[in-house]
Amino acid sequence: MTDVKPWYLSRTIWAAVVTILVAFLGLFDVPTHGIEHGALTDAILELVTAAAGLTAIAGRLLARDRIG
């Protein structure tokens, strides 16, 4: 592995976040038997990717200095 990517684009990180989230939901007696963890991980990763893209566009549009 020689490529570097931001942590928030890692499927492994998001799978771990989903696992932790589902575990906490179980602690508070929220029913989680109908949640497919893989699909939830994919959906979260897509949302994070979209948010990162929107943030990049907004950052460039709102920037005060030009790129040199």
PDB file of N, CA and C in Angstrom:
ATOM      1  N   MET A   1       0.829  -1.172   0.000  1.00  0.00           N
ATOM      2  CA  MET A   1       0.000   0.000   0.000  1.00  0.00           C
ATOM      3  C   MET A   1       0.881   1.246   0.000  1.00  0.00           C
ATOM      4  N   THR A   2       0.841   1.959  -1.081  1.00  0.00           N
ATOM      5  CA  THR A   2       1.616   3.187  -1.163  1.00  0.00           C
ATOM      6  C   THR A   2       0.737   4.423  -1.288  1.00  0.00           C
ATOM      7  N   ASP A   3      -0.526   4.225  -1.616  1.00  0.00           N
ATOM      8  CA  ASP A   3      -1.440   5.363  -1.747  1.00  0.00           C
ATOM      9  C   ASP A   3      -1.900   5.832  -0.365  1.00  0.00           C
ATOM     10  N   VAL A   4      -2.083   7.109  -0.231  1.00  0.00           N
ATOM     11  CA  VAL A   4      -2.570   7.696   1.016  1.00  0.00           C
ATOM     12  C   VAL A   4      -3.905   8.354   0.725  1.00  0.00           C
ATOM     13  N   LYS A   5      -4.875   8.106   1.620  1.00  0.00           N
ATOM     14  CA  LYS A   5      -6.175   8.742   1.477  1.00  0.00           C
ATOM     15  C   LYS A   5      -6.599   9.260   2.838  1.00  0.00           C
ATOM     16  N   PRO A   6      -7.504  10.205   2.859  1.00  0.00           N
ATOM     17  CA  PRO A   6      -7.978  10.725   4.141  1.00  0.00           C
ATOM     18  C   PRO A   6      -8.683   9.629   4.944  1.00  0.00           C
ATOM     19  N   TRP A   7      -8.616   9.724   6.250  1.00  0.00           N
ATOM     20  CA  TRP A   7      -9.209   8.694   7.106  1.00  0.00           C
ATOM     21  C   TRP A   7     -10.706   8.546   6.864  1.00  0.00           C
ATOM     22  N   TYR A   8     -11.378   9.643   6.530  1.00  0.00           N
ATOM     23  CA  TYR A   8     -12.835   9.590   6.393  1.00  0.00           C
ATOM     24  C   TYR A   8     -13.287   8.902   5.099  1.00  0.00           C
ATOM     25  N   LEU A   9     -12.358   8.532   4.228  1.00  0.00           N
ATOM     26  CA  LEU A   9     -12.711   7.769   3.032  1.00  0.00           C
ATOM     27  C   LEU A   9     -12.389   6.285   3.181  1.00  0.00           C
ATOM     28  N   SER A  10     -11.987   5.885   4.363  1.00  0.00           N
ATOM     29  CA  SER A  10     -11.639   4.491   4.619  1.00  0.00           C
ATOM     30  C   SER A  10     -12.882   3.682   4.969  1.00  0.00           C
ATOM     31  N   ARG A  11     -13.131   2.649   4.204  1.00  0.00           N
ATOM     32  CA  ARG A  11     -14.270   1.768   4.492  1.00  0.00           C
ATOM     33  C   ARG A  11     -14.077   1.060   5.819  1.00  0.00           C
ATOM     34  N   THR A  12     -12.852   0.750   6.174  1.00  0.00           N
ATOM     35  CA  THR A  12     -12.583   0.070   7.435  1.00  0.00           C
ATOM     36  C   THR A  12     -12.955   0.959   8.618  1.00  0.00           C
ATOM     37  N   ILE A  13     -12.583   2.225   8.539  1.00  0.00           N
ATOM     38  CA  ILE A  13     -12.929   3.152   9.620  1.00  0.00           C
ATOM     39  C   ILE A  13     -14.437   3.262   9.757  1.00  0.00           C
ATOM     40  N   TRP A  14     -15.142   3.410   8.639  1.00  0.00           N
ATOM     41  CA  TRP A  14     -16.592   3.563   8.714  1.00  0.00           C
ATOM     42  C   TRP A  14     -17.288   2.286   9.158  1.00  0.00           C
ATOM     43  N   ALA A  15     -16.746   1.134   8.791  1.00  0.00           N
ATOM     44  CA  ALA A  15     -17.310  -0.127   9.277  1.00  0.00           C
ATOM     45  C   ALA A  15     -17.159  -0.206  10.799  1.00  0.00           C
ATOM     46  N   ALA A  16     -16.015   0.252  11.300  1.00  0.00           N
ATOM     47  CA  ALA A  16     -15.811   0.272  12.744  1.00  0.00           C
ATOM     48  C   ALA A  16     -16.757   1.256  13.420  1.00  0.00           C
ATOM     49  N   VAL A  17     -16.961   2.424  12.812  1.00  0.00           N
ATOM     50  CA  VAL A  17     -17.889   3.419  13.367  1.00  0.00           C
ATOM     51  C   VAL A  17     -19.303   2.846  13.420  1.00  0.00           C
ATOM     52  N   VAL A  18     -19.720   2.168  12.360  1.00  0.00           N
ATOM     53  CA  VAL A  18     -21.061   1.566  12.331  1.00  0.00           C
ATOM     54  C   VAL A  18     -21.178   0.493  13.406  1.00  0.00           C
ATOM     55  N   THR A  19     -20.150  -0.309  13.567  1.00  0.00           N
ATOM     56  CA  THR A  19     -20.171  -1.348  14.591  1.00  0.00           C
ATOM     57  C   THR A  19     -20.317  -0.745  15.981  1.00  0.00           C
ATOM     58  N   ILE A  20     -19.556   0.311  16.241  1.00  0.00           N
ATOM     59  CA  ILE A  20     -19.634   0.990  17.541  1.00  0.00           C
ATOM     60  C   ILE A  20     -21.010   1.616  17.730  1.00  0.00           C
ATOM     61  N   LEU A  21     -21.531   2.255  16.684  1.00  0.00           N
ATOM     62  CA  LEU A  21     -22.850   2.877  16.749  1.00  0.00           C
ATOM     63  C   LEU A  21     -23.933   1.848  17.057  1.00  0.00           C
ATOM     64  N   VAL A  22     -23.902   0.725  16.376  1.00  0.00           N
ATOM     65  CA  VAL A  22     -24.903  -0.319  16.598  1.00  0.00           C
ATOM     66  C   VAL A  22     -24.776  -0.887  18.007  1.00  0.00           C
ATOM     67  N   ALA A  23     -23.542  -1.009  18.492  1.00  0.00           N
ATOM     68  CA  ALA A  23     -23.344  -1.497  19.861  1.00  0.00           C
ATOM     69  C   ALA A  23     -23.949  -0.526  20.871  1.00  0.00           C
ATOM     70  N   PHE A  24     -23.716   0.785  20.686  1.00  0.00           N
ATOM     71  CA  PHE A  24     -24.304   1.775  21.590  1.00  0.00           C
ATOM     72  C   PHE A  24     -25.823   1.789  21.500  1.00  0.00           C
ATOM     73  N   LEU A  25     -26.358   1.619  20.296  1.00  0.00           N
ATOM     74  CA  LEU A  25     -27.820   1.568  20.162  1.00  0.00           C
ATOM     75  C   LEU A  25     -28.377   0.383  20.929  1.00  0.00           C
ATOM     76  N   GLY A  26     -27.661  -0.728  20.900  1.00  0.00           N
ATOM     77  CA  GLY A  26     -28.082  -1.908  21.660  1.00  0.00           C
ATOM     78  C   GLY A  26     -28.077  -1.655  23.154  1.00  0.00           C
ATOM     79  N   LEU A  27     -27.122  -0.860  23.630  1.00  0.00           N
ATOM     80  CA  LEU A  27     -27.065  -0.529  25.055  1.00  0.00           C
ATOM     81  C   LEU A  27     -28.295   0.259  25.502  1.00  0.00           C
ATOM     82  N   PHE A  28     -28.845   1.049  24.594  1.00  0.00           N
ATOM     83  CA  PHE A  28     -30.013   1.863  24.922  1.00  0.00           C
ATOM     84  C   PHE A  28     -31.315   1.209  24.461  1.00  0.00           C
ATOM     85  N   ASP A  29     -31.262  -0.096  24.207  1.00  0.00           N
ATOM     86  CA  ASP A  29     -32.440  -0.893  23.831  1.00  0.00           C
ATOM     87  C   ASP A  29     -33.119  -0.423  22.557  1.00  0.00           C
ATOM     88  N   VAL A  30     -32.364   0.171  21.633  1.00  0.00           N
ATOM     89  CA  VAL A  30     -32.905   0.531  20.330  1.00  0.00           C
ATOM     90  C   VAL A  30     -32.802  -0.718  19.451  1.00  0.00           C
ATOM     91  N   PRO A  31     -33.910  -1.163  18.848  1.00  0.00           N
ATOM     92  CA  PRO A  31     -33.851  -2.379  18.034  1.00  0.00           C
ATOM     93  C   PRO A  31     -32.958  -2.186  16.796  1.00  0.00           C
ATOM     94  N   THR A  32     -31.995  -3.076  16.613  1.00  0.00           N
ATOM     95  CA  THR A  32     -31.057  -2.987  15.495  1.00  0.00           C
ATOM     96  C   THR A  32     -31.035  -4.256  14.654  1.00  0.00           C
ATOM     97  N   HIS A  33     -31.971  -5.149  14.890  1.00  0.00           N
ATOM     98  CA  HIS A  33     -31.952  -6.421  14.160  1.00  0.00           C
ATOM     99  C   HIS A  33     -32.246  -6.257  12.669  1.00  0.00           C
ATOM    100  N   GLY A  34     -32.875  -5.183  12.249  1.00  0.00           N
ATOM    101  CA  GLY A  34     -33.198  -4.978  10.844  1.00  0.00           C
ATOM    102  C   GLY A  34     -32.143  -4.197  10.077  1.00  0.00           C
ATOM    103  N   ILE A  35     -31.079  -3.787  10.756  1.00  0.00           N
ATOM    104  CA  ILE A  35     -30.050  -2.969  10.113  1.00  0.00           C
ATOM    105  C   ILE A  35     -28.985  -3.873   9.502  1.00  0.00           C
ATOM    106  N   GLU A  36     -28.755  -3.695   8.217  1.00  0.00           N
ATOM    107  CA  GLU A  36     -27.662  -4.423   7.561  1.00  0.00           C
ATOM    108  C   GLU A  36     -26.412  -3.550   7.660  1.00  0.00           C
ATOM    109  N   HIS A  37     -25.422  -4.013   8.383  1.00  0.00           N
ATOM    110  CA  HIS A  37     -24.244  -3.204   8.690  1.00  0.00           C
ATOM    111  C   HIS A  37     -23.477  -2.792   7.443  1.00  0.00           C
ATOM    112  N   GLY A  38     -23.355  -3.681   6.478  1.00  0.00           N
ATOM    113  CA  GLY A  38     -22.629  -3.344   5.248  1.00  0.00           C
ATOM    114  C   GLY A  38     -23.309  -2.239   4.461  1.00  0.00           C
ATOM    115  N   ALA A  39     -24.616  -2.310   4.357  1.00  0.00           N
ATOM    116  CA  ALA A  39     -25.368  -1.280   3.626  1.00  0.00           C
ATOM    117  C   ALA A  39     -25.301   0.051   4.359  1.00  0.00           C
ATOM    118  N   LEU A  40     -25.353   0.013   5.688  1.00  0.00           N
ATOM    119  CA  LEU A  40     -25.262   1.240   6.472  1.00  0.00           C
ATOM    120  C   LEU A  40     -23.883   1.873   6.309  1.00  0.00           C
ATOM    121  N   THR A  41     -22.840   1.053   6.314  1.00  0.00           N
ATOM    122  CA  THR A  41     -21.475   1.548   6.100  1.00  0.00           C
ATOM    123  C   THR A  41     -21.357   2.206   4.737  1.00  0.00           C
ATOM    124  N   ASP A  42     -21.894   1.566   3.708  1.00  0.00           N
ATOM    125  CA  ASP A  42     -21.849   2.139   2.358  1.00  0.00           C
ATOM    126  C   ASP A  42     -22.579   3.477   2.295  1.00  0.00           C
ATOM    127  N   ALA A  43     -23.747   3.545   2.914  1.00  0.00           N
ATOM    128  CA  ALA A  43     -24.529   4.788   2.895  1.00  0.00           C
ATOM    129  C   ALA A  43     -23.790   5.909   3.618  1.00  0.00           C
ATOM    130  N   ILE A  44     -23.203   5.600   4.766  1.00  0.00           N
ATOM    131  CA  ILE A  44     -22.452   6.622   5.505  1.00  0.00           C
ATOM    132  C   ILE A  44     -21.254   7.085   4.703  1.00  0.00           C
ATOM    133  N   LEU A  45     -20.541   6.151   4.085  1.00  0.00           N
ATOM    134  CA  LEU A  45     -19.371   6.509   3.287  1.00  0.00           C
ATOM    135  C   LEU A  45     -19.765   7.401   2.113  1.00  0.00           C
ATOM    136  N   GLU A  46     -20.878   7.123   1.471  1.00  0.00           N
ATOM    137  CA  GLU A  46     -21.355   7.965   0.368  1.00  0.00           C
ATOM    138  C   GLU A  46     -21.719   9.362   0.859  1.00  0.00           C
ATOM    139  N   LEU A  47     -22.358   9.449   2.021  1.00  0.00           N
ATOM    140  CA  LEU A  47     -22.699  10.754   2.583  1.00  0.00           C
ATOM    141  C   LEU A  47     -21.445  11.556   2.938  1.00  0.00           C
ATOM    142  N   VAL A  48     -20.465  10.880   3.515  1.00  0.00           N
ATOM    143  CA  VAL A  48     -19.222  11.563   3.881  1.00  0.00           C
ATOM    144  C   VAL A  48     -18.482  12.035   2.634  1.00  0.00           C
ATOM    145  N   THR A  49     -18.459  11.218   1.599  1.00  0.00           N
ATOM    146  CA  THR A  49     -17.804  11.604   0.354  1.00  0.00           C
ATOM    147  C   THR A  49     -18.498  12.812  -0.267  1.00  0.00           C
ATOM    148  N   ALA A  50     -19.818  12.796  -0.276  1.00  0.00           N
ATOM    149  CA  ALA A  50     -20.569  13.931  -0.817  1.00  0.00           C
ATOM    150  C   ALA A  50     -20.326  15.188   0.015  1.00  0.00           C
ATOM    151  N   ALA A  51     -20.315  15.051   1.333  1.00  0.00           N
ATOM    152  CA  ALA A  51     -20.062  16.199   2.201  1.00  0.00           C
ATOM    153  C   ALA A  51     -18.661  16.752   1.985  1.00  0.00           C
ATOM    154  N   ALA A  52     -17.682  15.880   1.789  1.00  0.00           N
ATOM    155  CA  ALA A  52     -16.313  16.333   1.542  1.00  0.00           C
ATOM    156  C   ALA A  52     -16.240  17.104   0.229  1.00  0.00           C
ATOM    157  N   GLY A  53     -16.929  16.638  -0.792  1.00  0.00           N
ATOM    158  CA  GLY A  53     -16.955  17.339  -2.069  1.00  0.00           C
ATOM    159  C   GLY A  53     -17.620  18.699  -1.961  1.00  0.00           C
ATOM    160  N   LEU A  54     -18.744  18.752  -1.265  1.00  0.00           N
ATOM    161  CA  LEU A  54     -19.430  20.032  -1.077  1.00  0.00           C
ATOM    162  C   LEU A  54     -18.587  21.003  -0.254  1.00  0.00           C
ATOM    163  N   THR A  55     -17.896  20.489   0.738  1.00  0.00           N
ATOM    164  CA  THR A  55     -17.017  21.331   1.549  1.00  0.00           C
ATOM    165  C   THR A  55     -15.877  21.895   0.709  1.00  0.00           C
ATOM    166  N   ALA A  56     -15.326  21.075  -0.158  1.00  0.00           N
ATOM    167  CA  ALA A  56     -14.237  21.538  -1.028  1.00  0.00           C
ATOM    168  C   ALA A  56     -14.716  22.645  -1.966  1.00  0.00           C
ATOM    169  N   ILE A  57     -15.897  22.458  -2.541  1.00  0.00           N
ATOM    170  CA  ILE A  57     -16.446  23.474  -3.445  1.00  0.00           C
ATOM    171  C   ILE A  57     -16.750  24.757  -2.675  1.00  0.00           C
ATOM    172  N   ALA A  58     -17.408  24.631  -1.519  1.00  0.00           N
ATOM    173  CA  ALA A  58     -17.737  25.807  -0.719  1.00  0.00           C
ATOM    174  C   ALA A  58     -16.473  26.522  -0.263  1.00  0.00           C
ATOM    175  N   GLY A  59     -15.466  25.756   0.118  1.00  0.00           N
ATOM    176  CA  GLY A  59     -14.211  26.354   0.553  1.00  0.00           C
ATOM    177  C   GLY A  59     -13.548  27.164  -0.540  1.00  0.00           C
ATOM    178  N   ARG A  60     -13.589  26.648  -1.748  1.00  0.00           N
ATOM    179  CA  ARG A  60     -12.982  27.376  -2.862  1.00  0.00           C
ATOM    180  C   ARG A  60     -13.805  28.610  -3.216  1.00  0.00           C
ATOM    181  N   LEU A  61     -15.123  28.497  -3.197  1.00  0.00           N
ATOM    182  CA  LEU A  61     -15.973  29.638  -3.536  1.00  0.00           C
ATOM    183  C   LEU A  61     -15.892  30.740  -2.484  1.00  0.00           C
ATOM    184  N   LEU A  62     -15.695  30.387  -1.248  1.00  0.00           N
ATOM    185  CA  LEU A  62     -15.657  31.358  -0.158  1.00  0.00           C
ATOM    186  C   LEU A  62     -14.235  31.821   0.179  1.00  0.00           C
ATOM    187  N   ALA A  63     -13.266  31.301  -0.501  1.00  0.00           N
ATOM    188  CA  ALA A  63     -11.870  31.641  -0.185  1.00  0.00           C
ATOM    189  C   ALA A  63     -11.586  33.112  -0.500  1.00  0.00           C
ATOM    190  N   ARG A  64     -10.709  33.685   0.282  1.00  0.00           N
ATOM    191  CA  ARG A  64     -10.347  35.075   0.093  1.00  0.00           C
ATOM    192  C   ARG A  64      -9.091  35.222  -0.766  1.00  0.00           C
ATOM    193  N   ASP A  65      -8.279  34.189  -0.820  1.00  0.00           N
ATOM    194  CA  ASP A  65      -7.028  34.240  -1.572  1.00  0.00           C
ATOM    195  C   ASP A  65      -7.116  33.308  -2.775  1.00  0.00           C
ATOM    196  N   ARG A  66      -6.366  33.647  -3.810  1.00  0.00           N
ATOM    197  CA  ARG A  66      -6.365  32.768  -4.976  1.00  0.00           C
ATOM    198  C   ARG A  66      -5.314  31.674  -4.816  1.00  0.00           C
ATOM    199  N   ILE A  67      -5.515  30.628  -5.558  1.00  0.00           N
ATOM    200  CA  ILE A  67      -4.588  29.498  -5.534  1.00  0.00           C
ATOM    201  C   ILE A  67      -3.378  29.862  -6.369  1.00  0.00           C
ATOM    202  N   GLY A  68      -2.198  29.665  -5.836  1.00  0.00           N
ATOM    203  CA  GLY A  68      -0.993  30.065  -6.547  1.00  0.00           C
ATOM    204  C   GLY A  68      -0.186  28.966  -7.087  1.00  0.00           C
TER     205      GLY A  68
END
